[in-house]
Amino acid sequence: MEIKTLRFGTMPVQEDKIITFPKGIMGFARNKRYVLFPHSEGSPFFWLQSLEDGDLAFVVTNPRIVNSDYAVDIEEGVLLELDAEQPSDLEVMCIVTVPRNQPERMTINLLGPIIINARNRKAAQIICDRQSYSHCHPVIPEKPV
């Protein structure tokens, strides 16, 4: 299939690469189907492009590149929702916000990770209950003055 996107023009999408969010992403509940692809070769960032809305794409990355101790407790209900047999089936990504013309001020949402079952491509965004995580954690630490 092909989709038309704002950022990438017309793109081919393989059916077996489609990621389905049965409940959508918070604030975007109508958009349930996405495709994930690298930002560029060797980049730690990916694009999560909506198939329903060509204007909607999120930058995402593995949260451990920002916080090596990052861990999320995945409740049994999420495992059932994603038809995951074990936590090792799951990949964790977090949404990155990049302010226009200020990439050095980009932040990552560690409170609302995206959990993807790599086996069946079902996904969900969950809310972390860890007090130490922020929805706007700096990706690039500030340099001491």
C-alpha atoms as a PDB file:
ATOM      1  CA  MET A   1       0.000   0.000   0.000  1.00  0.00           C
ATOM      2  CA  GLU A   2       1.033   3.642  -0.351  1.00  0.00           C
ATOM      3  CA  ILE A   3       0.374   6.601   1.918  1.00  0.00           C
ATOM      4  CA  LYS A   4       0.701  10.339   1.329  1.00  0.00           C
ATOM      5  CA  THR A   5       2.552  12.197   4.064  1.00  0.00           C
ATOM      6  CA  LEU A   6       3.377  15.822   4.745  1.00  0.00           C
ATOM      7  CA  ARG A   7       7.069  15.242   5.529  1.00  0.00           C
ATOM      8  CA  PHE A   8       7.982  12.323   3.285  1.00  0.00           C
ATOM      9  CA  GLY A   9       5.679  12.566   0.280  1.00  0.00           C
ATOM     10  CA  THR A  10       4.185   9.328  -0.992  1.00  0.00           C
ATOM     11  CA  MET A  11       5.636   6.287   0.750  1.00  0.00           C
ATOM     12  CA  PRO A  12       5.199   2.561   0.226  1.00  0.00           C
ATOM     13  CA  VAL A  13       4.161   0.671   3.369  1.00  0.00           C
ATOM     14  CA  GLN A  14       4.347  -3.084   3.757  1.00  0.00           C
ATOM     15  CA  GLU A  15       1.286  -4.540   5.500  1.00  0.00           C
ATOM     16  CA  ASP A  16       3.466  -6.618   7.838  1.00  0.00           C
ATOM     17  CA  LYS A  17       5.196  -3.430   9.107  1.00  0.00           C
ATOM     18  CA  ILE A  18       2.009  -1.717  10.278  1.00  0.00           C
ATOM     19  CA  ILE A  19       1.827  -1.097  14.022  1.00  0.00           C
ATOM     20  CA  THR A  20      -1.693  -0.988  15.462  1.00  0.00           C
ATOM     21  CA  PHE A  21      -2.618   0.987  18.576  1.00  0.00           C
ATOM     22  CA  PRO A  22      -6.082  -0.371  19.519  1.00  0.00           C
ATOM     23  CA  LYS A  23      -6.667   2.680  21.775  1.00  0.00           C
ATOM     24  CA  GLY A  24      -4.584   5.152  19.775  1.00  0.00           C
ATOM     25  CA  ILE A  25      -1.900   7.421  21.209  1.00  0.00           C
ATOM     26  CA  MET A  26      -2.924   9.865  23.939  1.00  0.00           C
ATOM     27  CA  GLY A  27      -4.470  12.896  22.299  1.00  0.00           C
ATOM     28  CA  PHE A  28      -4.681  11.084  18.946  1.00  0.00           C
ATOM     29  CA  ALA A  29      -7.209   8.322  19.635  1.00  0.00           C
ATOM     30  CA  ARG A  30      -8.587   8.347  16.070  1.00  0.00           C
ATOM     31  CA  ASN A  31      -5.222   7.364  14.611  1.00  0.00           C
ATOM     32  CA  LYS A  32      -4.710   3.671  15.212  1.00  0.00           C
ATOM     33  CA  ARG A  33      -2.300   2.518  12.483  1.00  0.00           C
ATOM     34  CA  TYR A  34       1.315   3.645  12.141  1.00  0.00           C
ATOM     35  CA  VAL A  35       4.550   2.671  10.503  1.00  0.00           C
ATOM     36  CA  LEU A  36       7.963   3.027  12.166  1.00  0.00           C
ATOM     37  CA  PHE A  37      11.072   3.833  10.148  1.00  0.00           C
ATOM     38  CA  PRO A  38      14.553   5.254  10.855  1.00  0.00           C
ATOM     39  CA  HIS A  39      15.124   8.998  10.754  1.00  0.00           C
ATOM     40  CA  SER A  40      18.349   8.356   8.859  1.00  0.00           C
ATOM     41  CA  GLU A  41      20.935   5.613   8.608  1.00  0.00           C
ATOM     42  CA  GLY A  42      22.704   5.146  11.945  1.00  0.00           C
ATOM     43  CA  SER A  43      20.418   7.595  13.775  1.00  0.00           C
ATOM     44  CA  PRO A  44      18.977   6.598  17.170  1.00  0.00           C
ATOM     45  CA  PHE A  45      15.738   8.377  16.185  1.00  0.00           C
ATOM     46  CA  PHE A  46      12.768   6.963  14.295  1.00  0.00           C
ATOM     47  CA  TRP A  47       9.605   8.349  12.758  1.00  0.00           C
ATOM     48  CA  LEU A  48       6.256   6.926  13.864  1.00  0.00           C
ATOM     49  CA  GLN A  49       4.050   7.947  10.930  1.00  0.00           C
ATOM     50  CA  SER A  50       0.256   7.737  11.077  1.00  0.00           C
ATOM     51  CA  LEU A  51      -1.375   5.894   8.181  1.00  0.00           C
ATOM     52  CA  GLU A  52      -4.727   7.646   8.735  1.00  0.00           C
ATOM     53  CA  ASP A  53      -3.325  11.195   8.826  1.00  0.00           C
ATOM     54  CA  GLY A  54      -0.369  11.967   6.571  1.00  0.00           C
ATOM     55  CA  ASP A  55       0.289  15.167   8.558  1.00  0.00           C
ATOM     56  CA  LEU A  56       0.828  13.255  11.830  1.00  0.00           C
ATOM     57  CA  ALA A  57       4.241  11.793  12.649  1.00  0.00           C
ATOM     58  CA  PHE A  58       6.126  11.512  15.926  1.00  0.00           C
ATOM     59  CA  VAL A  59       9.857  11.356  16.501  1.00  0.00           C
ATOM     60  CA  VAL A  60      10.589   8.432  18.848  1.00  0.00           C
ATOM     61  CA  THR A  61      13.645   6.747  20.294  1.00  0.00           C
ATOM     62  CA  ASN A  62      14.708   4.117  22.778  1.00  0.00           C
ATOM     63  CA  PRO A  63      14.626   5.878  26.169  1.00  0.00           C
ATOM     64  CA  ARG A  64      17.794   4.106  27.296  1.00  0.00           C
ATOM     65  CA  ILE A  65      19.902   6.346  25.045  1.00  0.00           C
ATOM     66  CA  VAL A  66      18.916   9.208  27.353  1.00  0.00           C
ATOM     67  CA  ASN A  67      18.596   7.333  30.656  1.00  0.00           C
ATOM     68  CA  SER A  68      20.534   4.062  30.770  1.00  0.00           C
ATOM     69  CA  ASP A  69      18.622   2.998  33.917  1.00  0.00           C
ATOM     70  CA  TYR A  70      15.207   3.563  32.338  1.00  0.00           C
ATOM     71  CA  ALA A  71      12.766   0.853  33.318  1.00  0.00           C
ATOM     72  CA  VAL A  72       9.038   0.594  33.049  1.00  0.00           C
ATOM     73  CA  ASP A  73       6.739  -1.738  34.941  1.00  0.00           C
ATOM     74  CA  ILE A  74       4.328  -3.272  32.455  1.00  0.00           C
ATOM     75  CA  GLU A  75       1.110  -4.388  34.070  1.00  0.00           C
ATOM     76  CA  GLU A  76      -0.496  -7.720  33.291  1.00  0.00           C
ATOM     77  CA  GLY A  77      -3.403  -5.920  31.610  1.00  0.00           C
ATOM     78  CA  VAL A  78      -1.060  -4.336  29.064  1.00  0.00           C
ATOM     79  CA  LEU A  79       0.502  -7.716  28.309  1.00  0.00           C
ATOM     80  CA  LEU A  80      -2.993  -9.100  27.692  1.00  0.00           C
ATOM     81  CA  GLU A  81      -4.027  -6.092  25.586  1.00  0.00           C
ATOM     82  CA  LEU A  82      -0.974  -6.529  23.369  1.00  0.00           C
ATOM     83  CA  ASP A  83      -1.239 -10.344  23.304  1.00  0.00           C
ATOM     84  CA  ALA A  84       2.313 -10.522  24.649  1.00  0.00           C
ATOM     85  CA  GLU A  85       3.360 -13.861  26.034  1.00  0.00           C
ATOM     86  CA  GLN A  86       6.368 -12.420  27.848  1.00  0.00           C
ATOM     87  CA  PRO A  87       7.918  -8.996  28.457  1.00  0.00           C
ATOM     88  CA  SER A  88      10.850  -9.882  26.166  1.00  0.00           C
ATOM     89  CA  ASP A  89       8.392  -9.652  23.212  1.00  0.00           C
ATOM     90  CA  LEU A  90       8.046  -5.928  23.930  1.00  0.00           C
ATOM     91  CA  GLU A  91      10.004  -2.934  22.669  1.00  0.00           C
ATOM     92  CA  VAL A  92       9.864   0.413  24.451  1.00  0.00           C
ATOM     93  CA  MET A  93      10.030   3.740  22.645  1.00  0.00           C
ATOM     94  CA  CYS A  94       9.348   7.275  23.860  1.00  0.00           C
ATOM     95  CA  ILE A  95       8.148  10.339  21.980  1.00  0.00           C
ATOM     96  CA  VAL A  96      10.701  13.093  21.441  1.00  0.00           C
ATOM     97  CA  THR A  97       9.734  16.750  21.069  1.00  0.00           C
ATOM     98  CA  VAL A  98      12.100  18.853  18.966  1.00  0.00           C
ATOM     99  CA  PRO A  99      11.452  22.616  19.220  1.00  0.00           C
ATOM    100  CA  ARG A 100      11.586  24.354  15.841  1.00  0.00           C
ATOM    101  CA  ASN A 101      15.120  25.553  15.072  1.00  0.00           C
ATOM    102  CA  GLN A 102      16.334  24.495  18.549  1.00  0.00           C
ATOM    103  CA  PRO A 103      17.264  20.790  18.384  1.00  0.00           C
ATOM    104  CA  GLU A 104      19.590  21.251  21.364  1.00  0.00           C
ATOM    105  CA  ARG A 105      16.452  21.795  23.495  1.00  0.00           C
ATOM    106  CA  MET A 106      14.702  18.552  22.497  1.00  0.00           C
ATOM    107  CA  THR A 107      12.983  16.581  25.234  1.00  0.00           C
ATOM    108  CA  ILE A 108      11.754  13.017  25.643  1.00  0.00           C
ATOM    109  CA  ASN A 109       8.540  11.893  27.323  1.00  0.00           C
ATOM    110  CA  LEU A 110       9.719   9.271  29.822  1.00  0.00           C
ATOM    111  CA  LEU A 111       6.325   9.272  31.584  1.00  0.00           C
ATOM    112  CA  GLY A 112       4.337   8.050  28.582  1.00  0.00           C
ATOM    113  CA  PRO A 113       6.317   5.279  26.870  1.00  0.00           C
ATOM    114  CA  ILE A 114       5.050   3.439  23.838  1.00  0.00           C
ATOM    115  CA  ILE A 115       5.094  -0.327  24.221  1.00  0.00           C
ATOM    116  CA  ILE A 116       5.227  -2.388  21.007  1.00  0.00           C
ATOM    117  CA  ASN A 117       4.770  -6.127  20.761  1.00  0.00           C
ATOM    118  CA  ALA A 118       7.434  -6.924  18.146  1.00  0.00           C
ATOM    119  CA  ARG A 119       5.769 -10.251  17.357  1.00  0.00           C
ATOM    120  CA  ASN A 120       2.303  -9.044  16.314  1.00  0.00           C
ATOM    121  CA  ARG A 121       2.869  -5.252  15.932  1.00  0.00           C
ATOM    122  CA  LYS A 122       0.222  -4.294  18.536  1.00  0.00           C
ATOM    123  CA  ALA A 123       1.118  -1.239  20.606  1.00  0.00           C
ATOM    124  CA  ALA A 124      -0.063   0.938  23.468  1.00  0.00           C
ATOM    125  CA  GLN A 125       1.028   4.108  25.167  1.00  0.00           C
ATOM    126  CA  ILE A 126       1.050   3.716  28.937  1.00  0.00           C
ATOM    127  CA  ILE A 127       1.616   6.045  31.871  1.00  0.00           C
ATOM    128  CA  CYS A 128       4.626   5.346  34.073  1.00  0.00           C
ATOM    129  CA  ASP A 129       4.161   5.846  37.796  1.00  0.00           C
ATOM    130  CA  ARG A 130       7.804   6.574  38.574  1.00  0.00           C
ATOM    131  CA  GLN A 131       8.201   9.918  40.321  1.00  0.00           C
ATOM    132  CA  SER A 132      11.700  10.392  38.899  1.00  0.00           C
ATOM    133  CA  TYR A 133      10.525  10.474  35.241  1.00  0.00           C
ATOM    134  CA  SER A 134       9.366  13.578  33.413  1.00  0.00           C
ATOM    135  CA  HIS A 135       7.279  14.168  30.312  1.00  0.00           C
ATOM    136  CA  CYS A 136       9.916  16.679  29.167  1.00  0.00           C
ATOM    137  CA  HIS A 137      13.277  15.156  30.129  1.00  0.00           C
ATOM    138  CA  PRO A 138      16.146  16.863  28.232  1.00  0.00           C
ATOM    139  CA  VAL A 139      17.699  14.641  25.553  1.00  0.00           C
ATOM    140  CA  ILE A 140      20.910  16.691  25.595  1.00  0.00           C
ATOM    141  CA  PRO A 141      21.945  17.544  29.168  1.00  0.00           C
ATOM    142  CA  GLU A 142      22.582  21.187  29.895  1.00  0.00           C
ATOM    143  CA  LYS A 143      26.230  22.110  30.123  1.00  0.00           C
ATOM    144  CA  PRO A 144      27.325  23.445  33.518  1.00  0.00           C
ATOM    145  CA  VAL A 145      28.016  27.164  33.486  1.00  0.00           C
END
